[in-house]
C-alpha cells in the first residue's frame, strides 16, 4: 500500500515537472517570437 502511494506521488510529481517544463518552453518561444 505504501509503495503504491509513493509511486502515485512520484508519477504525479513527474507529470507536474513535465507540465512546468512544457509551459516554460512555450513561454520562452512566445517571448522570442514576439521579440523578433
Protein backbone atom coordinates (compact mmCIF):
# COMPACT_ATOMS: atom_id res chain seq x y z
CA UNK A 1 0.00 0.00 0.00
CA UNK A 2 2.76 2.43 0.95
CA UNK A 3 4.71 1.53 -2.18
CA UNK A 4 1.71 2.27 -4.38
CA UNK A 5 1.17 5.61 -2.68
CA UNK A 6 4.81 6.55 -3.20
CA UNK A 7 4.65 5.51 -6.85
CA UNK A 8 1.48 7.54 -7.39
CA UNK A 9 3.15 10.54 -5.77
CA UNK A 10 6.24 10.17 -7.97
CA UNK A 11 4.12 9.88 -11.12
CA UNK A 12 2.20 12.99 -10.12
CA UNK A 13 5.45 14.84 -9.42
CA UNK A 14 6.94 13.85 -12.78
CA UNK A 15 3.76 14.96 -14.56
CA UNK A 16 3.88 18.33 -12.80
CA UNK A 17 7.55 18.80 -13.68
CA UNK A 18 6.94 17.88 -17.31
CA UNK A 19 3.97 20.26 -17.48
CA UNK A 20 6.01 23.07 -15.93
CA UNK A 21 8.85 22.47 -18.38
CA UNK A 22 6.37 22.47 -21.26
CA UNK A 23 4.85 25.77 -20.11
CA UNK A 24 8.31 27.26 -19.66
CA UNK A 25 9.28 26.28 -23.20
CA UNK A 26 6.04 27.67 -24.63
CA UNK A 27 6.53 30.95 -22.79
CA UNK A 28 10.14 31.17 -23.96
CA UNK A 29 9.16 30.51 -27.58
CA UNK A 30 6.34 33.05 -27.29
CA UNK A 31 8.66 35.71 -25.89
CA UNK A 32 11.33 35.16 -28.54
CA UNK A 33 8.60 35.11 -31.18
CA UNK A 34 7.26 38.49 -30.11
CA UNK A 35 10.79 39.89 -29.69
CA UNK A 36 11.63 39.13 -33.31
